[in-house]
Amino acid sequence: MNSEQGQRNRNLTRNFALVALVMGLVVVADQITKSIVLKRLGPDGDLNQVKIIPGFLRLIFVENTGAAFGMFQGRSPVLTVMALVVIGFLLVYFRRSIANSLWLTIALGLQLGGALGNVVDRFRHGFVVDFINVPKWPTFNVADSAITVGVIMLGFYLLTRDLASSDVDEQDARPGQHPGAEVTAAEKRAQ
């Protein structure tokens, strides 16, 4: 193994540890907040709601048996399996990419932590506890927020990666050649 490969393996190990750390922090924060909400705002709680910013932000208790934004209500078992499949897909698909990107590492940690936080709810309660409520938006939770931020970060990563690779393609093109144009075998021999 050369030193470049060794460094890549160290980066991969370090970044997998960071994915696990971010994921763990999200799950812990998510489960602690949901536990407090269940105790204070849940069916046996002593509060109906907590107004954080009157008319804009409040905390309420919602049992979500569906997916994001309350879609597919009553399909918790199917959604649990789908969430586990997505978690597996993300880990497998991006396993090598995280060695090169701290940004992607954090994005995946947020997404995985959010997905796992909601899966924990489905196993524990049979529904996801949602509690952050703003006008004209479905009620959500810490896990949903982490997933959303992670997806935005992933989109940014993919967009900038594609832009960077198209810049490299343009630099690699011969003068007068359109980037991405194929080079024939004869042209390769002449180079």
Protein backbone atom coordinates (compact mmCIF):
# COMPACT_ATOMS: atom_id res chain seq x y z
CA MET A 1 0.00 0.00 0.00
CA ASN A 2 1.46 3.38 -0.98
CA SER A 3 1.38 6.44 1.26
CA GLU A 4 -1.44 8.04 -0.73
CA GLN A 5 -3.64 4.97 -0.22
CA GLY A 6 -2.69 4.88 3.47
CA GLN A 7 -3.71 8.52 3.91
CA ARG A 8 -6.98 7.86 2.12
CA ASN A 9 -7.70 4.93 4.46
CA ARG A 10 -6.94 7.11 7.51
CA ASN A 11 -9.24 9.84 6.16
CA LEU A 12 -11.97 7.28 5.53
CA THR A 13 -11.67 5.87 9.06
CA ARG A 14 -11.64 9.36 10.60
CA ASN A 15 -14.63 10.51 8.56
CA PHE A 16 -16.64 7.35 9.30
CA ALA A 17 -16.02 8.08 12.98
CA LEU A 18 -17.25 11.64 12.39
CA VAL A 19 -20.38 10.34 10.59
CA ALA A 20 -21.05 8.14 13.63
CA LEU A 21 -20.46 11.05 16.03
CA VAL A 22 -22.78 13.46 14.16
CA MET A 23 -25.36 10.70 13.77
CA GLY A 24 -25.17 9.89 17.48
CA LEU A 25 -25.49 13.54 18.52
CA VAL A 26 -28.56 13.98 16.31
CA VAL A 27 -30.22 10.83 17.68
CA VAL A 28 -29.50 11.84 21.29
CA ALA A 29 -30.74 15.43 20.80
CA ASP A 30 -33.80 14.17 18.93
CA GLN A 31 -34.73 11.56 21.53
CA ILE A 32 -34.16 13.91 24.49
CA THR A 33 -36.39 16.61 22.98
CA LYS A 34 -39.08 14.07 22.09
CA SER A 35 -38.97 12.62 25.60
CA ILE A 36 -39.51 16.08 27.10
CA VAL A 37 -42.33 16.77 24.65
CA LEU A 38 -44.04 13.46 25.44
CA LYS A 39 -43.79 14.13 29.18
CA ARG A 40 -44.99 17.74 29.08
CA LEU A 41 -47.15 18.00 25.93
CA GLY A 42 -48.11 14.37 25.28
CA PRO A 43 -51.42 12.71 26.14
CA ASP A 44 -50.60 12.68 29.87
CA GLY A 45 -48.75 16.00 29.83
CA ASP A 46 -49.67 19.11 31.78
CA LEU A 47 -49.45 21.52 28.80
CA ASN A 48 -51.31 21.95 25.51
CA GLN A 49 -48.63 24.01 23.83
CA VAL A 50 -45.60 26.16 24.50
CA LYS A 51 -45.49 29.46 22.64
CA ILE A 52 -41.90 30.31 21.80
CA ILE A 53 -42.57 33.24 19.44
CA PRO A 54 -46.30 34.09 19.69
CA GLY A 55 -48.02 33.76 16.33
CA PHE A 56 -44.96 32.18 14.72
CA LEU A 57 -43.31 29.34 16.63
CA ARG A 58 -44.86 27.00 19.16
CA LEU A 59 -44.31 23.50 20.49
CA ILE A 60 -47.21 21.05 20.34
CA PHE A 61 -47.53 17.26 20.44
CA VAL A 62 -48.37 15.42 17.21
CA GLU A 63 -48.40 11.64 16.61
CA ASN A 64 -47.17 11.19 13.04
CA THR A 65 -47.83 7.69 11.71
CA GLY A 66 -46.90 8.82 8.21
CA ALA A 67 -43.85 10.18 6.44
CA ALA A 68 -42.47 13.68 6.17
CA PHE A 69 -45.11 16.39 6.34
CA GLY A 70 -47.75 13.88 7.46
CA MET A 71 -47.98 12.05 4.12
CA PHE A 72 -48.86 8.34 4.02
CA GLN A 73 -50.50 8.23 7.46
CA GLY A 74 -50.86 4.79 9.00
CA ARG A 75 -48.00 3.22 7.07
CA SER A 76 -45.43 3.16 9.89
CA PRO A 77 -44.10 -0.41 9.31
CA VAL A 78 -43.53 0.22 5.60
CA LEU A 79 -41.92 3.58 6.33
CA THR A 80 -39.63 2.00 8.93
CA VAL A 81 -38.36 -0.55 6.40
CA MET A 82 -37.93 2.19 3.78
CA ALA A 83 -35.94 4.34 6.22
CA LEU A 84 -33.63 1.44 7.03
CA VAL A 85 -33.10 0.78 3.31
CA VAL A 86 -32.26 4.46 2.73
CA ILE A 87 -29.79 4.42 5.63
CA GLY A 88 -28.09 1.36 4.12
CA PHE A 89 -28.05 2.92 0.65
CA LEU A 90 -26.46 6.15 1.90
CA LEU A 91 -23.75 4.25 3.76
CA VAL A 92 -22.90 2.04 0.80
CA TYR A 93 -23.19 4.65 -1.95
CA PHE A 94 -21.09 7.33 -0.26
CA ARG A 95 -18.67 5.11 1.69
CA ARG A 96 -15.67 6.09 -0.43
CA SER A 97 -16.66 9.69 -1.11
CA ILE A 98 -16.58 10.68 2.54
CA ALA A 99 -12.80 10.11 2.64
CA ASN A 100 -12.40 13.27 0.55
CA SER A 101 -15.06 15.58 1.97
CA LEU A 102 -15.71 16.80 5.49
CA TRP A 103 -18.84 18.55 4.15
CA LEU A 104 -20.27 15.28 2.81
CA THR A 105 -19.32 13.53 6.04
CA ILE A 106 -21.36 15.97 8.12
CA ALA A 107 -24.25 15.91 5.63
CA LEU A 108 -24.46 12.11 5.83
CA GLY A 109 -24.18 12.15 9.63
CA LEU A 110 -27.13 14.56 9.81
CA GLN A 111 -29.26 12.52 7.40
CA LEU A 112 -28.46 9.21 9.02
CA GLY A 113 -29.00 10.58 12.54
CA GLY A 114 -32.34 12.08 11.55
CA ALA A 115 -33.52 8.91 9.83
CA LEU A 116 -32.41 6.78 12.77
CA GLY A 117 -34.07 9.12 15.29
CA ASN A 118 -37.41 8.72 13.54
CA VAL A 119 -36.92 4.95 13.19
CA VAL A 120 -36.33 4.74 16.95
CA ASP A 121 -39.69 6.49 17.47
CA ARG A 122 -41.48 4.08 15.16
CA PHE A 123 -40.10 1.10 17.12
CA ARG A 124 -40.73 2.66 20.55
CA HIS A 125 -44.12 4.29 19.99
CA GLY A 126 -45.50 3.11 16.64
CA PHE A 127 -45.40 6.73 15.44
CA VAL A 128 -42.97 9.65 15.17
CA VAL A 129 -43.23 12.44 17.73
CA ASP A 130 -43.45 15.80 15.95
CA PHE A 131 -43.60 19.01 17.95
CA ILE A 132 -42.11 22.08 16.22
CA ASN A 133 -44.95 24.05 14.70
CA VAL A 134 -44.80 27.15 12.51
CA PRO A 135 -47.68 28.62 10.50
CA LYS A 136 -48.40 27.13 7.07
CA TRP A 137 -45.89 24.33 7.54
CA PRO A 138 -46.33 20.75 8.76
CA THR A 139 -45.22 20.05 12.33
CA PHE A 140 -41.72 18.55 12.50
CA ASN A 141 -38.96 17.55 14.93
CA VAL A 142 -35.19 17.68 15.44
CA ALA A 143 -34.66 14.56 13.30
CA ASP A 144 -36.61 16.08 10.40
CA SER A 145 -34.54 19.27 10.70
CA ALA A 146 -31.29 17.28 10.62
CA ILE A 147 -32.44 15.37 7.53
CA THR A 148 -33.40 18.60 5.77
CA VAL A 149 -30.10 20.34 6.54
CA GLY A 150 -28.21 17.17 5.53
CA VAL A 151 -30.05 16.93 2.21
CA ILE A 152 -29.35 20.60 1.46
CA MET A 153 -25.67 20.05 2.28
CA LEU A 154 -25.61 16.91 0.09
CA GLY A 155 -27.20 18.84 -2.78
CA PHE A 156 -24.61 21.59 -2.40
CA TYR A 157 -21.82 18.99 -2.32
CA LEU A 158 -23.09 17.25 -5.45
CA LEU A 159 -23.58 20.55 -7.28
CA THR A 160 -20.11 21.88 -6.45
CA ARG A 161 -18.51 18.49 -7.19
CA ASP A 162 -20.15 18.42 -10.62
CA LEU A 163 -19.12 22.02 -11.31
CA ALA A 164 -15.55 21.26 -10.22
CA SER A 165 -15.36 18.16 -12.42
CA SER A 166 -16.68 20.10 -15.42
CA ASP A 167 -13.93 22.71 -14.83
CA VAL A 168 -11.33 19.93 -14.86
CA ASP A 169 -12.81 18.53 -18.09
CA GLU A 170 -12.51 21.96 -19.70
CA GLN A 171 -8.89 22.31 -18.59
CA ASP A 172 -8.04 18.83 -19.91
CA ALA A 173 -9.48 19.54 -23.35
CA ARG A 174 -7.02 20.34 -26.14
CA PRO A 175 -7.14 23.90 -27.51
CA GLY A 176 -10.04 24.18 -29.90
CA GLN A 177 -11.61 20.94 -28.69
CA HIS A 178 -15.00 21.00 -27.04
CA PRO A 179 -14.80 19.74 -23.44
CA GLY A 180 -16.06 16.19 -23.27
CA ALA A 181 -15.45 15.57 -26.97
CA GLU A 182 -14.10 12.10 -27.63
CA VAL A 183 -10.51 11.66 -28.68
CA THR A 184 -9.92 8.97 -31.28
CA ALA A 185 -7.28 6.28 -30.82
CA ALA A 186 -5.16 7.89 -33.55
CA GLU A 187 -5.32 11.26 -31.76
CA LYS A 188 -4.26 9.59 -28.49
CA ARG A 189 -1.22 8.00 -30.22
CA ALA A 190 -0.28 11.37 -31.71
CA GLN A 191 -0.31 12.97 -28.27
